Amino acid sequence: MAGTDIFSLGVMLYEMPRPKPFSGQDIATILYHILNEEPVPPHQVNPRIPLGVSSTIMKALAKSPHLRYENCRELLEDLKNYRPAKAAATRTPPLR
């Protein structure tokens, strides 16, 4: 999977619990935000998102392809490793 595909997957993951990571009134504004601004980390928008999942999404959204995951297998491994522990799951309500 190409780096742009990883970025696109990161956008989809970001949008699952909240609105789009990059927004604007027109395509030029949206492209400017994509190229020049970092989205707010998901865990800051929704505290129920585990920090590890948030950092995985942010890595997928990295501006530089060299800082993103090389493939989806790496991204999936990080998501698996950041699954909330049983104790944390009882403290935090599930995402909806």
PDB file of N, CA and C in Angstrom:
ATOM      1  N   MET A   1       0.850  -1.169   0.000  1.00  0.00           N
ATOM      2  CA  MET A   1       0.000   0.000   0.000  1.00  0.00           C
ATOM      3  C   MET A   1       0.900   1.237   0.000  1.00  0.00           C
ATOM      4  N   ALA A   2       0.578   2.210  -0.807  1.00  0.00           N
ATOM      5  CA  ALA A   2       1.371   3.423  -0.945  1.00  0.00           C
ATOM      6  C   ALA A   2       1.172   4.347   0.251  1.00  0.00           C
ATOM      7  N   GLY A   3       2.135   5.253   0.438  1.00  0.00           N
ATOM      8  CA  GLY A   3       2.058   6.212   1.542  1.00  0.00           C
ATOM      9  C   GLY A   3       0.805   7.052   1.514  1.00  0.00           C
ATOM     10  N   THR A   4       0.350   7.407   0.315  1.00  0.00           N
ATOM     11  CA  THR A   4      -0.876   8.200   0.217  1.00  0.00           C
ATOM     12  C   THR A   4      -2.081   7.390   0.669  1.00  0.00           C
ATOM     13  N   ASP A   5      -2.044   6.081   0.438  1.00  0.00           N
ATOM     14  CA  ASP A   5      -3.126   5.219   0.901  1.00  0.00           C
ATOM     15  C   ASP A   5      -3.139   5.150   2.427  1.00  0.00           C
ATOM     16  N   ILE A   6      -1.956   5.107   3.035  1.00  0.00           N
ATOM     17  CA  ILE A   6      -1.855   5.104   4.497  1.00  0.00           C
ATOM     18  C   ILE A   6      -2.427   6.412   5.035  1.00  0.00           C
ATOM     19  N   PHE A   7      -2.095   7.537   4.392  1.00  0.00           N
ATOM     20  CA  PHE A   7      -2.619   8.842   4.804  1.00  0.00           C
ATOM     21  C   PHE A   7      -4.145   8.834   4.713  1.00  0.00           C
ATOM     22  N   SER A   8      -4.675   8.326   3.609  1.00  0.00           N
ATOM     23  CA  SER A   8      -6.131   8.263   3.423  1.00  0.00           C
ATOM     24  C   SER A   8      -6.791   7.393   4.492  1.00  0.00           C
ATOM     25  N   LEU A   9      -6.151   6.281   4.831  1.00  0.00           N
ATOM     26  CA  LEU A   9      -6.665   5.425   5.896  1.00  0.00           C
ATOM     27  C   LEU A   9      -6.641   6.175   7.223  1.00  0.00           C
ATOM     28  N   GLY A  10      -5.586   6.952   7.466  1.00  0.00           N
ATOM     29  CA  GLY A  10      -5.515   7.764   8.670  1.00  0.00           C
ATOM     30  C   GLY A  10      -6.661   8.759   8.744  1.00  0.00           C
ATOM     31  N   VAL A  11      -7.005   9.364   7.611  1.00  0.00           N
ATOM     32  CA  VAL A  11      -8.136  10.301   7.572  1.00  0.00           C
ATOM     33  C   VAL A  11      -9.425   9.565   7.923  1.00  0.00           C
ATOM     34  N   MET A  12      -9.613   8.383   7.368  1.00  0.00           N
ATOM     35  CA  MET A  12     -10.825   7.609   7.667  1.00  0.00           C
ATOM     36  C   MET A  12     -10.891   7.245   9.155  1.00  0.00           C
ATOM     37  N   LEU A  13      -9.768   6.828   9.723  1.00  0.00           N
ATOM     38  CA  LEU A  13      -9.747   6.490  11.146  1.00  0.00           C
ATOM     39  C   LEU A  13     -10.058   7.722  11.994  1.00  0.00           C
ATOM     40  N   TYR A  14      -9.526   8.862  11.592  1.00  0.00           N
ATOM     41  CA  TYR A  14      -9.764  10.107  12.318  1.00  0.00           C
ATOM     42  C   TYR A  14     -11.243  10.470  12.289  1.00  0.00           C
ATOM     43  N   GLU A  15     -11.885  10.281  11.147  1.00  0.00           N
ATOM     44  CA  GLU A  15     -13.282  10.659  10.980  1.00  0.00           C
ATOM     45  C   GLU A  15     -14.248   9.741  11.712  1.00  0.00           C
ATOM     46  N   MET A  16     -13.817   8.543  12.074  1.00  0.00           N
ATOM     47  CA  MET A  16     -14.733   7.605  12.719  1.00  0.00           C
ATOM     48  C   MET A  16     -15.331   8.182  14.005  1.00  0.00           C
ATOM     49  N   PRO A  17     -14.520   8.665  14.945  1.00  0.00           N
ATOM     50  CA  PRO A  17     -15.120   9.172  16.175  1.00  0.00           C
ATOM     51  C   PRO A  17     -15.445  10.666  16.158  1.00  0.00           C
ATOM     52  N   ARG A  18     -15.060  11.371  15.124  1.00  0.00           N
ATOM     53  CA  ARG A  18     -15.273  12.828  15.096  1.00  0.00           C
ATOM     54  C   ARG A  18     -15.302  13.318  13.656  1.00  0.00           C
ATOM     55  N   PRO A  19     -15.570  14.624  13.441  1.00  0.00           N
ATOM     56  CA  PRO A  19     -15.578  15.168  12.077  1.00  0.00           C
ATOM     57  C   PRO A  19     -14.204  15.107  11.399  1.00  0.00           C
ATOM     58  N   LYS A  20     -14.158  15.595  10.215  1.00  0.00           N
ATOM     59  CA  LYS A  20     -12.966  15.555   9.376  1.00  0.00           C
ATOM     60  C   LYS A  20     -11.757  16.238  10.025  1.00  0.00           C
ATOM     61  N   PRO A  21     -10.552  15.711   9.785  1.00  0.00           N
ATOM     62  CA  PRO A  21      -9.353  16.331  10.341  1.00  0.00           C
ATOM     63  C   PRO A  21      -8.994  17.640   9.644  1.00  0.00           C
ATOM     64  N   PHE A  22      -9.425  17.798   8.406  1.00  0.00           N
ATOM     65  CA  PHE A  22      -9.133  19.008   7.630  1.00  0.00           C
ATOM     66  C   PHE A  22     -10.441  19.503   7.031  1.00  0.00           C
ATOM     67  N   SER A  23     -10.763  20.763   7.272  1.00  0.00           N
ATOM     68  CA  SER A  23     -12.004  21.282   6.728  1.00  0.00           C
ATOM     69  C   SER A  23     -11.794  22.682   6.170  1.00  0.00           C
ATOM     70  N   GLY A  24     -12.750  23.134   5.411  1.00  0.00           N
ATOM     71  CA  GLY A  24     -12.694  24.461   4.821  1.00  0.00           C
ATOM     72  C   GLY A  24     -13.901  24.680   3.940  1.00  0.00           C
ATOM     73  N   GLN A  25     -14.071  25.925   3.511  1.00  0.00           N
ATOM     74  CA  GLN A  25     -15.230  26.271   2.692  1.00  0.00           C
ATOM     75  C   GLN A  25     -15.077  25.843   1.238  1.00  0.00           C
ATOM     76  N   ASP A  26     -13.837  25.647   0.800  1.00  0.00           N
ATOM     77  CA  ASP A  26     -13.610  25.227  -0.577  1.00  0.00           C
ATOM     78  C   ASP A  26     -12.388  24.315  -0.630  1.00  0.00           C
ATOM     79  N   ILE A  27     -12.192  23.689  -1.767  1.00  0.00           N
ATOM     80  CA  ILE A  27     -11.112  22.710  -1.919  1.00  0.00           C
ATOM     81  C   ILE A  27      -9.735  23.341  -1.709  1.00  0.00           C
ATOM     82  N   ALA A  28      -9.561  24.587  -2.131  1.00  0.00           N
ATOM     83  CA  ALA A  28      -8.265  25.250  -1.952  1.00  0.00           C
ATOM     84  C   ALA A  28      -7.933  25.398  -0.469  1.00  0.00           C
ATOM     85  N   THR A  29      -8.927  25.749   0.332  1.00  0.00           N
ATOM     86  CA  THR A  29      -8.707  25.892   1.779  1.00  0.00           C
ATOM     87  C   THR A  29      -8.405  24.542   2.417  1.00  0.00           C
ATOM     88  N   ILE A  30      -9.136  23.529   2.014  1.00  0.00           N
ATOM     89  CA  ILE A  30      -8.901  22.185   2.550  1.00  0.00           C
ATOM     90  C   ILE A  30      -7.498  21.715   2.186  1.00  0.00           C
ATOM     91  N   LEU A  31      -7.094  21.900   0.942  1.00  0.00           N
ATOM     92  CA  LEU A  31      -5.743  21.496   0.526  1.00  0.00           C
ATOM     93  C   LEU A  31      -4.670  22.259   1.294  1.00  0.00           C
ATOM     94  N   TYR A  32      -4.908  23.535   1.544  1.00  0.00           N
ATOM     95  CA  TYR A  32      -3.957  24.320   2.338  1.00  0.00           C
ATOM     96  C   TYR A  32      -3.797  23.704   3.732  1.00  0.00           C
ATOM     97  N   HIS A  33      -4.916  23.365   4.362  1.00  0.00           N
ATOM     98  CA  HIS A  33      -4.871  22.756   5.698  1.00  0.00           C
ATOM     99  C   HIS A  33      -4.141  21.412   5.666  1.00  0.00           C
ATOM    100  N   ILE A  34      -4.425  20.599   4.669  1.00  0.00           N
ATOM    101  CA  ILE A  34      -3.766  19.296   4.559  1.00  0.00           C
ATOM    102  C   ILE A  34      -2.259  19.467   4.445  1.00  0.00           C
ATOM    103  N   LEU A  35      -1.829  20.410   3.623  1.00  0.00           N
ATOM    104  CA  LEU A  35      -0.398  20.595   3.370  1.00  0.00           C
ATOM    105  C   LEU A  35       0.343  21.332   4.478  1.00  0.00           C
ATOM    106  N   ASN A  36      -0.346  22.173   5.239  1.00  0.00           N
ATOM    107  CA  ASN A  36       0.362  23.076   6.145  1.00  0.00           C
ATOM    108  C   ASN A  36       0.001  22.979   7.622  1.00  0.00           C
ATOM    109  N   GLU A  37      -1.035  22.279   7.970  1.00  0.00           N
ATOM    110  CA  GLU A  37      -1.466  22.244   9.360  1.00  0.00           C
ATOM    111  C   GLU A  37      -1.630  20.812   9.849  1.00  0.00           C
ATOM    112  N   GLU A  38      -1.385  20.645  11.136  1.00  0.00           N
ATOM    113  CA  GLU A  38      -1.603  19.352  11.774  1.00  0.00           C
ATOM    114  C   GLU A  38      -3.018  19.336  12.348  1.00  0.00           C
ATOM    115  N   PRO A  39      -3.737  18.227  12.189  1.00  0.00           N
ATOM    116  CA  PRO A  39      -5.045  18.156  12.825  1.00  0.00           C
ATOM    117  C   PRO A  39      -4.889  18.044  14.344  1.00  0.00           C
ATOM    118  N   VAL A  40      -5.921  18.397  15.059  1.00  0.00           N
ATOM    119  CA  VAL A  40      -5.920  18.223  16.508  1.00  0.00           C
ATOM    120  C   VAL A  40      -5.881  16.721  16.783  1.00  0.00           C
ATOM    121  N   PRO A  41      -4.991  16.256  17.656  1.00  0.00           N
ATOM    122  CA  PRO A  41      -4.956  14.813  17.950  1.00  0.00           C
ATOM    123  C   PRO A  41      -6.323  14.319  18.421  1.00  0.00           C
ATOM    124  N   PRO A  42      -6.756  13.177  17.922  1.00  0.00           N
ATOM    125  CA  PRO A  42      -8.090  12.668  18.249  1.00  0.00           C
ATOM    126  C   PRO A  42      -8.374  12.579  19.753  1.00  0.00           C
ATOM    127  N   HIS A  43      -7.373  12.212  20.554  1.00  0.00           N
ATOM    128  CA  HIS A  43      -7.627  12.077  21.994  1.00  0.00           C
ATOM    129  C   HIS A  43      -7.897  13.425  22.661  1.00  0.00           C
ATOM    130  N   GLN A  44      -7.490  14.528  22.022  1.00  0.00           N
ATOM    131  CA  GLN A  44      -7.792  15.849  22.571  1.00  0.00           C
ATOM    132  C   GLN A  44      -9.219  16.275  22.230  1.00  0.00           C
ATOM    133  N   VAL A  45      -9.740  15.746  21.150  1.00  0.00           N
ATOM    134  CA  VAL A  45     -11.113  16.048  20.738  1.00  0.00           C
ATOM    135  C   VAL A  45     -12.092  15.155  21.500  1.00  0.00           C
ATOM    136  N   ASN A  46     -11.712  13.901  21.675  1.00  0.00           N
ATOM    137  CA  ASN A  46     -12.554  12.934  22.360  1.00  0.00           C
ATOM    138  C   ASN A  46     -11.685  12.161  23.350  1.00  0.00           C
ATOM    139  N   PRO A  47     -11.755  12.504  24.638  1.00  0.00           N
ATOM    140  CA  PRO A  47     -10.891  11.866  25.633  1.00  0.00           C
ATOM    141  C   PRO A  47     -11.102  10.361  25.774  1.00  0.00           C
ATOM    142  N   ARG A  48     -12.182   9.830  25.219  1.00  0.00           N
ATOM    143  CA  ARG A  48     -12.399   8.380  25.289  1.00  0.00           C
ATOM    144  C   ARG A  48     -11.510   7.614  24.322  1.00  0.00           C
ATOM    145  N   ILE A  49     -10.892   8.315  23.385  1.00  0.00           N
ATOM    146  CA  ILE A  49      -9.981   7.653  22.447  1.00  0.00           C
ATOM    147  C   ILE A  49      -8.653   7.438  23.158  1.00  0.00           C
ATOM    148  N   PRO A  50      -8.188   6.196  23.253  1.00  0.00           N
ATOM    149  CA  PRO A  50      -6.919   5.933  23.928  1.00  0.00           C
ATOM    150  C   PRO A  50      -5.763   6.694  23.262  1.00  0.00           C
ATOM    151  N   LEU A  51      -4.828   7.139  24.073  1.00  0.00           N
ATOM    152  CA  LEU A  51      -3.677   7.898  23.583  1.00  0.00           C
ATOM    153  C   LEU A  51      -2.928   7.127  22.500  1.00  0.00           C
ATOM    154  N   GLY A  52      -2.779   5.820  22.678  1.00  0.00           N
ATOM    155  CA  GLY A  52      -2.074   5.014  21.685  1.00  0.00           C
ATOM    156  C   GLY A  52      -2.782   4.970  20.345  1.00  0.00           C
ATOM    157  N   VAL A  53      -4.103   4.877  20.365  1.00  0.00           N
ATOM    158  CA  VAL A  53      -4.874   4.884  19.115  1.00  0.00           C
ATOM    159  C   VAL A  53      -4.746   6.252  18.462  1.00  0.00           C
ATOM    160  N   SER A  54      -4.806   7.297  19.272  1.00  0.00           N
ATOM    161  CA  SER A  54      -4.655   8.656  18.763  1.00  0.00           C
ATOM    162  C   SER A  54      -3.288   8.840  18.089  1.00  0.00           C
ATOM    163  N   SER A  55      -2.237   8.355  18.739  1.00  0.00           N
ATOM    164  CA  SER A  55      -0.899   8.514  18.147  1.00  0.00           C
ATOM    165  C   SER A  55      -0.743   7.675  16.882  1.00  0.00           C
ATOM    166  N   THR A  56      -1.417   6.532  16.808  1.00  0.00           N
ATOM    167  CA  THR A  56      -1.388   5.717  15.591  1.00  0.00           C
ATOM    168  C   THR A  56      -2.044   6.471  14.441  1.00  0.00           C
ATOM    169  N   ILE A  57      -3.188   7.091  14.702  1.00  0.00           N
ATOM    170  CA  ILE A  57      -3.874   7.872  13.669  1.00  0.00           C
ATOM    171  C   ILE A  57      -3.004   9.035  13.228  1.00  0.00           C
ATOM    172  N   MET A  58      -2.390   9.725  14.196  1.00  0.00           N
ATOM    173  CA  MET A  58      -1.550  10.875  13.857  1.00  0.00           C
ATOM    174  C   MET A  58      -0.328  10.452  13.039  1.00  0.00           C
ATOM    175  N   LYS A  59       0.231   9.280  13.328  1.00  0.00           N
ATOM    176  CA  LYS A  59       1.370   8.793  12.535  1.00  0.00           C
ATOM    177  C   LYS A  59       0.923   8.509  11.100  1.00  0.00           C
ATOM    178  N   ALA A  60      -0.267   7.970  10.929  1.00  0.00           N
ATOM    179  CA  ALA A  60      -0.790   7.722   9.584  1.00  0.00           C
ATOM    180  C   ALA A  60      -1.027   9.031   8.833  1.00  0.00           C
ATOM    181  N   LEU A  61      -1.278  10.123   9.580  1.00  0.00           N
ATOM    182  CA  LEU A  61      -1.531  11.432   8.977  1.00  0.00           C
ATOM    183  C   LEU A  61      -0.277  12.299   8.868  1.00  0.00           C
ATOM    184  N   ALA A  62       0.878  11.742   9.158  1.00  0.00           N
ATOM    185  CA  ALA A  62       2.117  12.520   9.104  1.00  0.00           C
ATOM    186  C   ALA A  62       2.299  13.157   7.732  1.00  0.00           C
ATOM    187  N   LYS A  63       2.739  14.406   7.715  1.00  0.00           N
ATOM    188  CA  LYS A  63       2.942  15.125   6.454  1.00  0.00           C
ATOM    189  C   LYS A  63       4.008  14.438   5.596  1.00  0.00           C
ATOM    190  N   SER A  64       5.089  14.040   6.217  1.00  0.00           N
ATOM    191  CA  SER A  64       6.175  13.393   5.485  1.00  0.00           C
ATOM    192  C   SER A  64       5.895  11.901   5.327  1.00  0.00           C
ATOM    193  N   PRO A  65       5.917  11.385   4.104  1.00  0.00           N
ATOM    194  CA  PRO A  65       5.709   9.948   3.901  1.00  0.00           C
ATOM    195  C   PRO A  65       6.732   9.101   4.660  1.00  0.00           C
ATOM    196  N   HIS A  66       7.912   9.655   4.932  1.00  0.00           N
ATOM    197  CA  HIS A  66       8.955   8.916   5.651  1.00  0.00           C
ATOM    198  C   HIS A  66       8.598   8.721   7.115  1.00  0.00           C
ATOM    199  N   LEU A  67       7.688   9.531   7.640  1.00  0.00           N
ATOM    200  CA  LEU A  67       7.270   9.419   9.039  1.00  0.00           C
ATOM    201  C   LEU A  67       6.017   8.577   9.203  1.00  0.00           C
ATOM    202  N   ARG A  68       5.357   8.260   8.097  1.00  0.00           N
ATOM    203  CA  ARG A  68       4.153   7.422   8.136  1.00  0.00           C
ATOM    204  C   ARG A  68       4.543   5.958   8.205  1.00  0.00           C
ATOM    205  N   TYR A  69       3.549   5.128   8.409  1.00  0.00           N
ATOM    206  CA  TYR A  69       3.770   3.676   8.359  1.00  0.00           C
ATOM    207  C   TYR A  69       4.208   3.282   6.961  1.00  0.00           C
ATOM    208  N   GLU A  70       5.081   2.302   6.879  1.00  0.00           N
ATOM    209  CA  GLU A  70       5.519   1.816   5.563  1.00  0.00           C
ATOM    210  C   GLU A  70       4.444   0.965   4.909  1.00  0.00           C
ATOM    211  N   ASN A  71       3.616   0.315   5.738  1.00  0.00           N
ATOM    212  CA  ASN A  71       2.550  -0.523   5.197  1.00  0.00           C
ATOM    213  C   ASN A  71       1.433  -0.659   6.225  1.00  0.00           C
ATOM    214  N   CYS A  72       0.319  -1.191   5.785  1.00  0.00           N
ATOM    215  CA  CYS A  72      -0.844  -1.331   6.667  1.00  0.00           C
ATOM    216  C   CYS A  72      -0.612  -2.351   7.771  1.00  0.00           C
ATOM    217  N   ARG A  73       0.261  -3.298   7.529  1.00  0.00           N
ATOM    218  CA  ARG A  73       0.559  -4.305   8.552  1.00  0.00           C
ATOM    219  C   ARG A  73       1.128  -3.634   9.804  1.00  0.00           C
ATOM    220  N   GLU A  74       2.034  -2.662   9.612  1.00  0.00           N
ATOM    221  CA  GLU A  74       2.602  -1.930  10.749  1.00  0.00           C
ATOM    222  C   GLU A  74       1.515  -1.144  11.485  1.00  0.00           C
ATOM    223  N   LEU A  75       0.648  -0.488  10.727  1.00  0.00           N
ATOM    224  CA  LEU A  75      -0.434   0.281  11.333  1.00  0.00           C
ATOM    225  C   LEU A  75      -1.354  -0.641  12.134  1.00  0.00           C
ATOM    226  N   LEU A  76      -1.716  -1.764  11.560  1.00  0.00           N
ATOM    227  CA  LEU A  76      -2.579  -2.721  12.241  1.00  0.00           C
ATOM    228  C   LEU A  76      -1.930  -3.238  13.521  1.00  0.00           C
ATOM    229  N   GLU A  77      -0.645  -3.506  13.477  1.00  0.00           N
ATOM    230  CA  GLU A  77       0.067  -3.970  14.665  1.00  0.00           C
ATOM    231  C   GLU A  77      -0.003  -2.934  15.783  1.00  0.00           C
ATOM    232  N   ASP A  78       0.189  -1.671  15.445  1.00  0.00           N
ATOM    233  CA  ASP A  78       0.087  -0.629  16.467  1.00  0.00           C
ATOM    234  C   ASP A  78      -1.323  -0.552  17.031  1.00  0.00           C
ATOM    235  N   LEU A  79      -2.331  -0.665  16.179  1.00  0.00           N
ATOM    236  CA  LEU A  79      -3.709  -0.634  16.677  1.00  0.00           C
ATOM    237  C   LEU A  79      -3.979  -1.825  17.597  1.00  0.00           C
ATOM    238  N   LYS A  80      -3.461  -2.988  17.248  1.00  0.00           N
ATOM    239  CA  LYS A  80      -3.636  -4.168  18.098  1.00  0.00           C
ATOM    240  C   LYS A  80      -2.945  -3.969  19.444  1.00  0.00           C
ATOM    241  N   ASN A  81      -1.747  -3.408  19.420  1.00  0.00           N
ATOM    242  CA  ASN A  81      -0.986  -3.215  20.650  1.00  0.00           C
ATOM    243  C   ASN A  81      -1.582  -2.150  21.551  1.00  0.00           C
ATOM    244  N   TYR A  82      -2.352  -1.227  21.003  1.00  0.00           N
ATOM    245  CA  TYR A  82      -2.923  -0.138  21.789  1.00  0.00           C
ATOM    246  C   TYR A  82      -4.345  -0.415  22.240  1.00  0.00           C
ATOM    247  N   ARG A  83      -4.800  -1.618  22.078  1.00  0.00           N
ATOM    248  CA  ARG A  83      -6.135  -1.962  22.554  1.00  0.00           C
ATOM    249  C   ARG A  83      -6.206  -1.719  24.054  1.00  0.00           C
ATOM    250  N   PRO A  84      -7.260  -1.068  24.531  1.00  0.00           N
ATOM    251  CA  PRO A  84      -7.338  -0.790  25.966  1.00  0.00           C
ATOM    252  C   PRO A  84      -7.312  -2.077  26.790  1.00  0.00           C
ATOM    253  N   ALA A  85      -6.653  -2.009  27.919  1.00  0.00           N
ATOM    254  CA  ALA A  85      -6.610  -3.159  28.826  1.00  0.00           C
ATOM    255  C   ALA A  85      -8.001  -3.406  29.397  1.00  0.00           C
ATOM    256  N   LYS A  86      -8.206  -4.578  29.948  1.00  0.00           N
ATOM    257  CA  LYS A  86      -9.505  -4.934  30.492  1.00  0.00           C
ATOM    258  C   LYS A  86      -9.935  -3.934  31.568  1.00  0.00           C
ATOM    259  N   ALA A  87      -9.014  -3.520  32.420  1.00  0.00           N
ATOM    260  CA  ALA A  87      -9.343  -2.564  33.480  1.00  0.00           C
ATOM    261  C   ALA A  87      -9.723  -1.214  32.898  1.00  0.00           C
ATOM    262  N   ALA A  88      -9.006  -0.774  31.887  1.00  0.00           N
ATOM    263  CA  ALA A  88      -9.305   0.517  31.267  1.00  0.00           C
ATOM    264  C   ALA A  88     -10.653   0.469  30.563  1.00  0.00           C
ATOM    265  N   ALA A  89     -11.003  -0.671  29.997  1.00  0.00           N
ATOM    266  CA  ALA A  89     -12.264  -0.796  29.278  1.00  0.00           C
ATOM    267  C   ALA A  89     -13.445  -0.674  30.241  1.00  0.00           C
ATOM    268  N   THR A  90     -13.276  -1.100  31.476  1.00  0.00           N
ATOM    269  CA  THR A  90     -14.370  -0.979  32.425  1.00  0.00           C
ATOM    270  C   THR A  90     -14.522   0.451  32.925  1.00  0.00           C
ATOM    271  N   ARG A  91     -13.445   1.249  32.883  1.00  0.00           N
ATOM    272  CA  ARG A  91     -13.494   2.639  33.321  1.00  0.00           C
ATOM    273  C   ARG A  91     -14.051   3.555  32.246  1.00  0.00           C
ATOM    274  N   THR A  92     -13.786   3.251  30.993  1.00  0.00           N
ATOM    275  CA  THR A  92     -14.105   4.141  29.899  1.00  0.00           C
ATOM    276  C   THR A  92     -15.259   3.599  29.086  1.00  0.00           C
ATOM    277  N   PRO A  93     -16.294   4.404  28.849  1.00  0.00           N
ATOM    278  CA  PRO A  93     -17.396   3.898  28.019  1.00  0.00           C
ATOM    279  C   PRO A  93     -16.927   3.666  26.588  1.00  0.00           C
ATOM    280  N   PRO A  94     -17.511   2.716  25.895  1.00  0.00           N
ATOM    281  CA  PRO A  94     -17.090   2.430  24.521  1.00  0.00           C
ATOM    282  C   PRO A  94     -17.368   3.597  23.582  1.00  0.00           C
ATOM    283  N   LEU A  95     -16.598   3.673  22.502  1.00  0.00           N
ATOM    284  CA  LEU A  95     -16.816   4.707  21.473  1.00  0.00           C
ATOM    285  C   LEU A  95     -18.086   4.377  20.703  1.00  0.00           C
ATOM    286  N   ARG A  96     -18.812   5.381  20.341  1.00  0.00           N
ATOM    287  CA  ARG A  96     -20.036   5.171  19.539  1.00  0.00           C
ATOM    288  C   ARG A  96     -20.015   6.076  18.365  1.00  0.00           C
TER     289      ARG A  96
END
